[in-house]
Amino acid sequence: MFTKIEQTQYPPSQHTLLWDGDCGFCKFWKTRWEQKTKGVIFFETYQKAASNFPDIPLKEFKKASRLIEKDGRIYSGPDSAYRSMWHAGTKYHHELYQSNSFFRKFSDHTYNHIAKNRNLYFKVTKLLFGNNPLKLRPYWLLYIFIILAIIFL
C-alpha cells in the first residue's frame, strides 16, 4: 500500500503530477487527464522529477502517483487523480474522497489493487476503451450488446 505524504519542503513552481513513465496504464490515463486539465497541471514522470523532492522516498513514487501543488501539499494515489480532476472543474470525487471514509478506503484499496496489476488493467482498459486515450471508444457497450444478443437468441 502506498503511504500518504502530506507536504514537501520543496514545492514546485506549478502544480505537478508525478507518474510512472514505465507504465502503459499510467501513460494512457495521464494523457487523458492532461487533456482534461488544460495546462493547469504539469505532468512529469517520477523517473525525471523525483530528485526535485528529496524529502519523498523514491519507493513511494514507485507505489503511487503524486500530485504536488505549488504550496507543497501532496495528494497521493487515487486522490492525486481526484484532485487533478478537481483542478479541471470536476469537484465531486475529490470532495467525497476527503469527507467520506468508506469512499476513501474503497478508492485506496482499488487503486492499490490496480497498481499491483497494471499490465492486466492496461489490457482491460484498451479492450474496453480502445488504444487512443484522447478518443475513447465505448467498446464495452458492444460487448454488453453481444452478450445480451446471445442470451436472447
N, C-alpha and C. Protein backbone atom coordinates (compact mmCIF):
# COMPACT_ATOMS: atom_id res chain seq x y z
N MET A 1 0.85 -1.18 0.00
CA MET A 1 0.00 0.00 0.00
C MET A 1 0.89 1.24 0.00
N PHE A 2 0.45 2.25 -0.71
CA PHE A 2 1.21 3.49 -0.77
C PHE A 2 1.03 4.27 0.54
N THR A 3 2.00 5.09 0.84
CA THR A 3 1.96 5.95 2.01
C THR A 3 1.48 7.33 1.59
N LYS A 4 0.56 7.87 2.37
CA LYS A 4 0.10 9.23 2.09
C LYS A 4 1.08 10.20 2.72
N ILE A 5 1.61 11.05 1.90
CA ILE A 5 2.56 12.06 2.34
C ILE A 5 1.84 13.40 2.19
N GLU A 6 1.82 14.18 3.25
CA GLU A 6 1.01 15.40 3.28
C GLU A 6 1.67 16.61 2.65
N GLN A 7 3.00 16.75 2.81
CA GLN A 7 3.65 18.01 2.46
C GLN A 7 5.09 17.75 2.03
N THR A 8 5.59 18.60 1.15
CA THR A 8 7.00 18.60 0.81
C THR A 8 7.60 19.95 1.15
N GLN A 9 8.86 19.94 1.51
CA GLN A 9 9.59 21.18 1.78
C GLN A 9 10.09 21.81 0.47
N TYR A 10 9.84 21.13 -0.66
CA TYR A 10 10.36 21.58 -1.96
C TYR A 10 9.21 21.75 -2.96
N PRO A 11 8.32 22.70 -2.73
CA PRO A 11 7.17 22.85 -3.63
C PRO A 11 7.59 23.24 -5.05
N PRO A 12 6.89 22.71 -6.04
CA PRO A 12 7.18 23.07 -7.43
C PRO A 12 6.62 24.45 -7.77
N SER A 13 7.04 25.00 -8.88
CA SER A 13 6.56 26.32 -9.28
C SER A 13 5.15 26.24 -9.88
N GLN A 14 4.72 25.05 -10.26
CA GLN A 14 3.34 24.85 -10.72
C GLN A 14 2.87 23.49 -10.23
N HIS A 15 1.55 23.32 -10.15
CA HIS A 15 1.00 22.03 -9.73
C HIS A 15 1.58 20.95 -10.63
N THR A 16 2.12 19.89 -10.02
CA THR A 16 2.82 18.86 -10.79
C THR A 16 2.32 17.48 -10.40
N LEU A 17 1.91 16.70 -11.39
CA LEU A 17 1.53 15.31 -11.14
C LEU A 17 2.68 14.41 -11.60
N LEU A 18 3.21 13.64 -10.67
CA LEU A 18 4.30 12.72 -10.96
C LEU A 18 3.72 11.33 -11.13
N TRP A 19 4.10 10.69 -12.21
CA TRP A 19 3.55 9.38 -12.56
C TRP A 19 4.68 8.48 -13.05
N ASP A 20 4.37 7.18 -13.20
CA ASP A 20 5.37 6.19 -13.60
C ASP A 20 5.50 6.16 -15.11
N GLY A 21 6.61 6.66 -15.62
CA GLY A 21 6.84 6.72 -17.06
C GLY A 21 7.06 5.37 -17.71
N ASP A 22 7.24 4.31 -16.92
CA ASP A 22 7.43 2.97 -17.47
C ASP A 22 6.13 2.18 -17.52
N CYS A 23 5.03 2.78 -17.15
CA CYS A 23 3.74 2.09 -17.02
C CYS A 23 2.79 2.52 -18.14
N GLY A 24 2.38 1.57 -18.99
CA GLY A 24 1.45 1.87 -20.07
C GLY A 24 0.10 2.33 -19.56
N PHE A 25 -0.42 1.68 -18.52
CA PHE A 25 -1.69 2.07 -17.92
C PHE A 25 -1.62 3.53 -17.44
N CYS A 26 -0.52 3.85 -16.75
CA CYS A 26 -0.33 5.21 -16.24
C CYS A 26 -0.27 6.23 -17.38
N LYS A 27 0.47 5.90 -18.43
CA LYS A 27 0.60 6.82 -19.55
C LYS A 27 -0.74 7.06 -20.24
N PHE A 28 -1.54 6.00 -20.40
CA PHE A 28 -2.85 6.11 -21.03
C PHE A 28 -3.70 7.13 -20.27
N TRP A 29 -3.83 6.95 -18.93
CA TRP A 29 -4.70 7.82 -18.15
C TRP A 29 -4.08 9.19 -17.92
N LYS A 30 -2.77 9.28 -17.85
CA LYS A 30 -2.10 10.57 -17.74
C LYS A 30 -2.42 11.42 -18.98
N THR A 31 -2.40 10.80 -20.14
CA THR A 31 -2.71 11.51 -21.39
C THR A 31 -4.14 12.05 -21.34
N ARG A 32 -5.04 11.26 -20.83
CA ARG A 32 -6.45 11.67 -20.71
C ARG A 32 -6.58 12.85 -19.74
N TRP A 33 -5.94 12.73 -18.57
CA TRP A 33 -6.02 13.80 -17.57
C TRP A 33 -5.35 15.07 -18.05
N GLU A 34 -4.26 14.92 -18.78
CA GLU A 34 -3.54 16.08 -19.30
C GLU A 34 -4.44 16.89 -20.22
N GLN A 35 -5.22 16.20 -21.04
CA GLN A 35 -6.16 16.88 -21.92
C GLN A 35 -7.25 17.59 -21.11
N LYS A 36 -7.75 16.93 -20.09
CA LYS A 36 -8.86 17.49 -19.30
C LYS A 36 -8.42 18.66 -18.41
N THR A 37 -7.18 18.66 -17.96
CA THR A 37 -6.73 19.73 -17.06
C THR A 37 -6.23 20.96 -17.80
N LYS A 38 -6.07 20.87 -19.10
CA LYS A 38 -5.79 22.02 -19.97
C LYS A 38 -4.66 22.93 -19.47
N GLY A 39 -3.55 22.32 -19.08
CA GLY A 39 -2.38 23.10 -18.71
C GLY A 39 -2.34 23.61 -17.28
N VAL A 40 -3.38 23.34 -16.50
CA VAL A 40 -3.39 23.78 -15.10
C VAL A 40 -2.37 22.96 -14.29
N ILE A 41 -2.12 21.73 -14.73
CA ILE A 41 -1.20 20.84 -14.05
C ILE A 41 -0.09 20.44 -15.01
N PHE A 42 1.12 20.41 -14.49
CA PHE A 42 2.27 19.94 -15.25
C PHE A 42 2.44 18.45 -14.93
N PHE A 43 2.58 17.63 -15.96
CA PHE A 43 2.73 16.19 -15.80
C PHE A 43 4.17 15.80 -16.08
N GLU A 44 4.75 15.06 -15.16
CA GLU A 44 6.15 14.64 -15.30
C GLU A 44 6.31 13.24 -14.70
N THR A 45 7.20 12.47 -15.30
CA THR A 45 7.45 11.14 -14.75
C THR A 45 8.26 11.29 -13.46
N TYR A 46 8.00 10.39 -12.54
CA TYR A 46 8.80 10.44 -11.31
C TYR A 46 10.25 10.11 -11.59
N GLN A 47 10.49 9.34 -12.67
CA GLN A 47 11.87 8.99 -13.03
C GLN A 47 12.69 10.26 -13.32
N LYS A 48 12.05 11.28 -13.87
CA LYS A 48 12.75 12.53 -14.18
C LYS A 48 12.74 13.52 -13.02
N ALA A 49 11.66 13.52 -12.24
CA ALA A 49 11.48 14.61 -11.28
C ALA A 49 11.60 14.24 -9.81
N ALA A 50 11.72 12.98 -9.48
CA ALA A 50 11.77 12.59 -8.06
C ALA A 50 12.92 13.26 -7.32
N SER A 51 14.02 13.49 -7.98
CA SER A 51 15.18 14.12 -7.31
C SER A 51 14.89 15.56 -6.89
N ASN A 52 13.86 16.17 -7.46
CA ASN A 52 13.47 17.52 -7.06
C ASN A 52 12.76 17.54 -5.71
N PHE A 53 12.41 16.36 -5.21
CA PHE A 53 11.67 16.25 -3.95
C PHE A 53 12.41 15.27 -3.03
N PRO A 54 13.59 15.67 -2.52
CA PRO A 54 14.41 14.76 -1.74
C PRO A 54 13.78 14.31 -0.42
N ASP A 55 12.73 14.99 0.03
CA ASP A 55 12.07 14.58 1.28
C ASP A 55 11.00 13.52 1.05
N ILE A 56 10.83 13.06 -0.21
CA ILE A 56 9.89 11.98 -0.51
C ILE A 56 10.70 10.77 -0.97
N PRO A 57 10.58 9.65 -0.27
CA PRO A 57 11.35 8.46 -0.65
C PRO A 57 11.00 7.98 -2.06
N LEU A 58 12.00 7.61 -2.82
CA LEU A 58 11.80 7.13 -4.19
C LEU A 58 10.82 5.96 -4.23
N LYS A 59 10.89 5.07 -3.23
CA LYS A 59 9.99 3.90 -3.21
C LYS A 59 8.52 4.32 -3.18
N GLU A 60 8.23 5.50 -2.62
CA GLU A 60 6.84 5.97 -2.58
C GLU A 60 6.36 6.44 -3.95
N PHE A 61 7.26 7.00 -4.75
CA PHE A 61 6.90 7.37 -6.11
C PHE A 61 6.60 6.13 -6.94
N LYS A 62 7.27 5.04 -6.63
CA LYS A 62 7.07 3.79 -7.37
C LYS A 62 5.72 3.16 -7.06
N LYS A 63 5.15 3.47 -5.90
CA LYS A 63 3.90 2.86 -5.46
C LYS A 63 2.65 3.59 -5.95
N ALA A 64 2.75 4.92 -6.14
CA ALA A 64 1.55 5.69 -6.46
C ALA A 64 1.90 7.02 -7.10
N SER A 65 0.96 7.52 -7.88
CA SER A 65 1.13 8.86 -8.45
C SER A 65 1.01 9.88 -7.33
N ARG A 66 1.61 11.05 -7.55
CA ARG A 66 1.59 12.12 -6.54
C ARG A 66 1.32 13.44 -7.24
N LEU A 67 0.31 14.13 -6.78
CA LEU A 67 0.07 15.49 -7.24
C LEU A 67 0.66 16.41 -6.17
N ILE A 68 1.64 17.19 -6.57
CA ILE A 68 2.30 18.11 -5.65
C ILE A 68 1.92 19.52 -6.09
N GLU A 69 1.25 20.22 -5.19
CA GLU A 69 0.77 21.56 -5.53
C GLU A 69 1.81 22.62 -5.17
N LYS A 70 1.59 23.81 -5.68
CA LYS A 70 2.55 24.91 -5.52
C LYS A 70 2.82 25.28 -4.07
N ASP A 71 1.88 24.98 -3.19
CA ASP A 71 2.08 25.28 -1.77
C ASP A 71 2.75 24.13 -1.03
N GLY A 72 3.10 23.06 -1.76
CA GLY A 72 3.78 21.92 -1.17
C GLY A 72 2.87 20.80 -0.71
N ARG A 73 1.55 21.01 -0.76
CA ARG A 73 0.63 19.93 -0.39
C ARG A 73 0.74 18.80 -1.40
N ILE A 74 0.60 17.56 -0.90
CA ILE A 74 0.73 16.38 -1.74
C ILE A 74 -0.55 15.56 -1.65
N TYR A 75 -1.03 15.13 -2.81
CA TYR A 75 -2.18 14.24 -2.90
C TYR A 75 -1.67 12.95 -3.53
N SER A 76 -1.99 11.83 -2.91
CA SER A 76 -1.39 10.55 -3.29
C SER A 76 -2.42 9.56 -3.83
N GLY A 77 -1.97 8.71 -4.74
CA GLY A 77 -2.81 7.61 -5.24
C GLY A 77 -4.08 8.12 -5.88
N PRO A 78 -5.23 7.58 -5.47
CA PRO A 78 -6.48 7.98 -6.12
C PRO A 78 -6.79 9.46 -5.92
N ASP A 79 -6.37 10.01 -4.78
CA ASP A 79 -6.65 11.44 -4.57
C ASP A 79 -5.82 12.32 -5.48
N SER A 80 -4.69 11.82 -5.98
CA SER A 80 -3.93 12.62 -6.96
C SER A 80 -4.76 12.74 -8.25
N ALA A 81 -5.47 11.66 -8.59
CA ALA A 81 -6.35 11.70 -9.77
C ALA A 81 -7.57 12.58 -9.49
N TYR A 82 -8.20 12.39 -8.33
CA TYR A 82 -9.38 13.18 -8.00
C TYR A 82 -9.05 14.67 -7.90
N ARG A 83 -7.94 14.98 -7.28
CA ARG A 83 -7.54 16.39 -7.13
C ARG A 83 -7.17 16.99 -8.49
N SER A 84 -6.56 16.19 -9.37
CA SER A 84 -6.26 16.67 -10.73
C SER A 84 -7.55 17.04 -11.44
N MET A 85 -8.55 16.18 -11.32
CA MET A 85 -9.84 16.47 -11.95
C MET A 85 -10.54 17.63 -11.26
N TRP A 86 -10.28 17.81 -9.96
CA TRP A 86 -10.81 18.97 -9.23
C TRP A 86 -10.31 20.25 -9.87
N HIS A 87 -9.04 20.26 -10.25
CA HIS A 87 -8.47 21.44 -10.93
C HIS A 87 -9.12 21.64 -12.30
N ALA A 88 -9.63 20.56 -12.88
CA ALA A 88 -10.29 20.65 -14.19
C ALA A 88 -11.77 21.02 -14.06
N GLY A 89 -12.25 21.15 -12.82
CA GLY A 89 -13.64 21.55 -12.62
C GLY A 89 -14.56 20.44 -12.14
N THR A 90 -14.05 19.21 -12.02
CA THR A 90 -14.85 18.10 -11.53
C THR A 90 -14.56 17.96 -10.04
N LYS A 91 -15.35 18.63 -9.22
CA LYS A 91 -15.06 18.76 -7.79
C LYS A 91 -15.52 17.55 -6.97
N TYR A 92 -16.55 16.87 -7.40
CA TYR A 92 -17.26 15.90 -6.58
C TYR A 92 -16.38 14.80 -5.99
N HIS A 93 -15.58 14.13 -6.81
CA HIS A 93 -14.82 12.97 -6.33
C HIS A 93 -13.77 13.35 -5.28
N HIS A 94 -13.07 14.45 -5.51
CA HIS A 94 -12.06 14.86 -4.53
C HIS A 94 -12.73 15.20 -3.19
N GLU A 95 -13.83 15.92 -3.25
CA GLU A 95 -14.52 16.29 -2.01
C GLU A 95 -15.08 15.06 -1.31
N LEU A 96 -15.59 14.10 -2.07
CA LEU A 96 -16.10 12.85 -1.49
C LEU A 96 -14.95 12.06 -0.86
N TYR A 97 -13.82 12.01 -1.53
CA TYR A 97 -12.65 11.31 -1.00
C TYR A 97 -12.21 11.94 0.32
N GLN A 98 -12.25 13.24 0.39
CA GLN A 98 -11.83 13.95 1.60
C GLN A 98 -12.81 13.76 2.76
N SER A 99 -14.10 13.64 2.45
CA SER A 99 -15.12 13.66 3.51
C SER A 99 -15.71 12.31 3.87
N ASN A 100 -15.58 11.30 3.01
CA ASN A 100 -16.25 10.02 3.24
C ASN A 100 -15.22 8.91 3.43
N SER A 101 -15.13 8.38 4.63
CA SER A 101 -14.10 7.38 4.92
C SER A 101 -14.32 6.09 4.13
N PHE A 102 -15.57 5.69 3.89
CA PHE A 102 -15.82 4.48 3.10
C PHE A 102 -15.32 4.67 1.67
N PHE A 103 -15.65 5.80 1.05
CA PHE A 103 -15.21 6.07 -0.31
C PHE A 103 -13.68 6.15 -0.37
N ARG A 104 -13.06 6.77 0.62
CA ARG A 104 -11.61 6.88 0.68
C ARG A 104 -10.95 5.50 0.77
N LYS A 105 -11.44 4.65 1.67
CA LYS A 105 -10.88 3.30 1.83
C LYS A 105 -11.10 2.48 0.57
N PHE A 106 -12.30 2.56 -0.01
CA PHE A 106 -12.59 1.83 -1.24
C PHE A 106 -11.67 2.30 -2.37
N SER A 107 -11.51 3.60 -2.51
CA SER A 107 -10.64 4.15 -3.56
C SER A 107 -9.19 3.73 -3.35
N ASP A 108 -8.71 3.81 -2.12
CA ASP A 108 -7.33 3.41 -1.83
C ASP A 108 -7.10 1.93 -2.12
N HIS A 109 -8.04 1.10 -1.70
CA HIS A 109 -7.90 -0.35 -1.93
C HIS A 109 -7.92 -0.65 -3.43
N THR A 110 -8.86 -0.06 -4.15
CA THR A 110 -8.97 -0.28 -5.59
C THR A 110 -7.71 0.22 -6.30
N TYR A 111 -7.25 1.40 -5.94
CA TYR A 111 -6.03 1.95 -6.54
C TYR A 111 -4.85 1.02 -6.29
N ASN A 112 -4.71 0.55 -5.07
CA ASN A 112 -3.61 -0.34 -4.73
C ASN A 112 -3.68 -1.64 -5.54
N HIS A 113 -4.88 -2.18 -5.69
CA HIS A 113 -5.05 -3.41 -6.48
C HIS A 113 -4.65 -3.17 -7.95
N ILE A 114 -5.11 -2.09 -8.51
CA ILE A 114 -4.77 -1.77 -9.90
C ILE A 114 -3.27 -1.54 -10.03
N ALA A 115 -2.67 -0.82 -9.08
CA ALA A 115 -1.23 -0.53 -9.14
C ALA A 115 -0.40 -1.82 -9.13
N LYS A 116 -0.87 -2.81 -8.42
CA LYS A 116 -0.14 -4.08 -8.35
C LYS A 116 -0.39 -4.96 -9.58
N ASN A 117 -1.38 -4.61 -10.39
CA ASN A 117 -1.75 -5.40 -11.57
C ASN A 117 -1.89 -4.50 -12.80
N ARG A 118 -0.95 -3.59 -12.97
CA ARG A 118 -1.05 -2.58 -14.03
C ARG A 118 -1.14 -3.18 -15.43
N ASN A 119 -0.36 -4.20 -15.72
CA ASN A 119 -0.38 -4.78 -17.07
C ASN A 119 -1.74 -5.35 -17.41
N LEU A 120 -2.35 -6.05 -16.46
CA LEU A 120 -3.69 -6.60 -16.68
C LEU A 120 -4.68 -5.47 -16.92
N TYR A 121 -4.66 -4.46 -16.08
CA TYR A 121 -5.63 -3.38 -16.21
C TYR A 121 -5.37 -2.50 -17.44
N PHE A 122 -4.15 -2.47 -17.92
CA PHE A 122 -3.89 -1.76 -19.17
C PHE A 122 -4.54 -2.51 -20.32
N LYS A 123 -4.45 -3.83 -20.32
CA LYS A 123 -5.12 -4.64 -21.35
C LYS A 123 -6.63 -4.47 -21.28
N VAL A 124 -7.18 -4.48 -20.07
CA VAL A 124 -8.62 -4.29 -19.89
C VAL A 124 -9.04 -2.90 -20.37
N THR A 125 -8.24 -1.89 -20.05
CA THR A 125 -8.54 -0.51 -20.49
C THR A 125 -8.62 -0.44 -22.01
N LYS A 126 -7.62 -1.02 -22.68
CA LYS A 126 -7.62 -0.96 -24.15
C LYS A 126 -8.78 -1.78 -24.72
N LEU A 127 -9.12 -2.89 -24.09
CA LEU A 127 -10.24 -3.71 -24.54
C LEU A 127 -11.56 -2.95 -24.43
N LEU A 128 -11.74 -2.23 -23.32
CA LEU A 128 -12.99 -1.52 -23.08
C LEU A 128 -13.08 -0.17 -23.79
N PHE A 129 -11.93 0.52 -23.96
CA PHE A 129 -11.96 1.89 -24.46
C PHE A 129 -11.15 2.14 -25.73
N GLY A 130 -10.40 1.15 -26.21
CA GLY A 130 -9.58 1.34 -27.39
C GLY A 130 -8.17 1.77 -27.02
N ASN A 131 -7.37 2.03 -28.03
CA ASN A 131 -5.96 2.34 -27.82
C ASN A 131 -5.65 3.83 -27.66
N ASN A 132 -6.59 4.69 -28.01
CA ASN A 132 -6.33 6.13 -28.00
C ASN A 132 -7.02 6.80 -26.81
N PRO A 133 -6.25 7.25 -25.82
CA PRO A 133 -6.88 7.88 -24.65
C PRO A 133 -7.56 9.21 -24.95
N LEU A 134 -7.25 9.80 -26.09
CA LEU A 134 -7.88 11.08 -26.46
C LEU A 134 -9.20 10.88 -27.20
N LYS A 135 -9.43 9.66 -27.65
CA LYS A 135 -10.69 9.33 -28.33
C LYS A 135 -11.17 7.98 -27.83
N LEU A 136 -11.75 7.99 -26.62
CA LEU A 136 -12.22 6.74 -26.04
C LEU A 136 -13.34 6.16 -26.88
N ARG A 137 -13.28 4.89 -27.08
CA ARG A 137 -14.32 4.15 -27.80
C ARG A 137 -15.05 3.28 -26.79
N PRO A 138 -16.34 3.41 -26.69
CA PRO A 138 -17.07 2.60 -25.69
C PRO A 138 -17.31 1.16 -26.17
N TYR A 139 -16.21 0.43 -26.34
CA TYR A 139 -16.33 -0.96 -26.79
C TYR A 139 -17.10 -1.82 -25.80
N TRP A 140 -17.09 -1.44 -24.54
CA TRP A 140 -17.81 -2.22 -23.54
C TRP A 140 -19.30 -2.28 -23.87
N LEU A 141 -19.86 -1.24 -24.52
CA LEU A 141 -21.26 -1.28 -24.95
C LEU A 141 -21.49 -2.38 -25.98
N LEU A 142 -20.54 -2.53 -26.90
CA LEU A 142 -20.62 -3.59 -27.90
C LEU A 142 -20.59 -4.96 -27.22
N TYR A 143 -19.73 -5.13 -26.23
CA TYR A 143 -19.64 -6.41 -25.53
C TYR A 143 -20.95 -6.73 -24.80
N ILE A 144 -21.54 -5.73 -24.17
CA ILE A 144 -22.82 -5.95 -23.50
C ILE A 144 -23.89 -6.32 -24.51
N PHE A 145 -23.91 -5.64 -25.66
CA PHE A 145 -24.89 -5.94 -26.70
C PHE A 145 -24.72 -7.38 -27.19
N ILE A 146 -23.50 -7.81 -27.42
CA ILE A 146 -23.24 -9.18 -27.88
C ILE A 146 -23.70 -10.19 -26.84
N ILE A 147 -23.40 -9.94 -25.58
CA ILE A 147 -23.82 -10.86 -24.52
C ILE A 147 -25.34 -10.93 -24.45
N LEU A 148 -25.99 -9.78 -24.52
CA LEU A 148 -27.46 -9.77 -24.48
C LEU A 148 -28.05 -10.47 -25.70
N ALA A 149 -27.44 -10.27 -26.86
CA ALA A 149 -27.92 -10.95 -28.07
C ALA A 149 -27.81 -12.46 -27.93
N ILE A 150 -26.70 -12.93 -27.39
CA ILE A 150 -26.50 -14.37 -27.18
C ILE A 150 -27.54 -14.92 -26.20
N ILE A 151 -27.80 -14.18 -25.13
CA ILE A 151 -28.77 -14.63 -24.12
C ILE A 151 -30.16 -14.72 -24.73
N PHE A 152 -30.55 -13.71 -25.50
CA PHE A 152 -31.90 -13.69 -26.04
C PHE A 152 -32.09 -14.57 -27.28
N LEU A 153 -31.01 -14.95 -27.91
CA LEU A 153 -31.11 -15.84 -29.07
C LEU A 153 -31.09 -17.27 -28.58
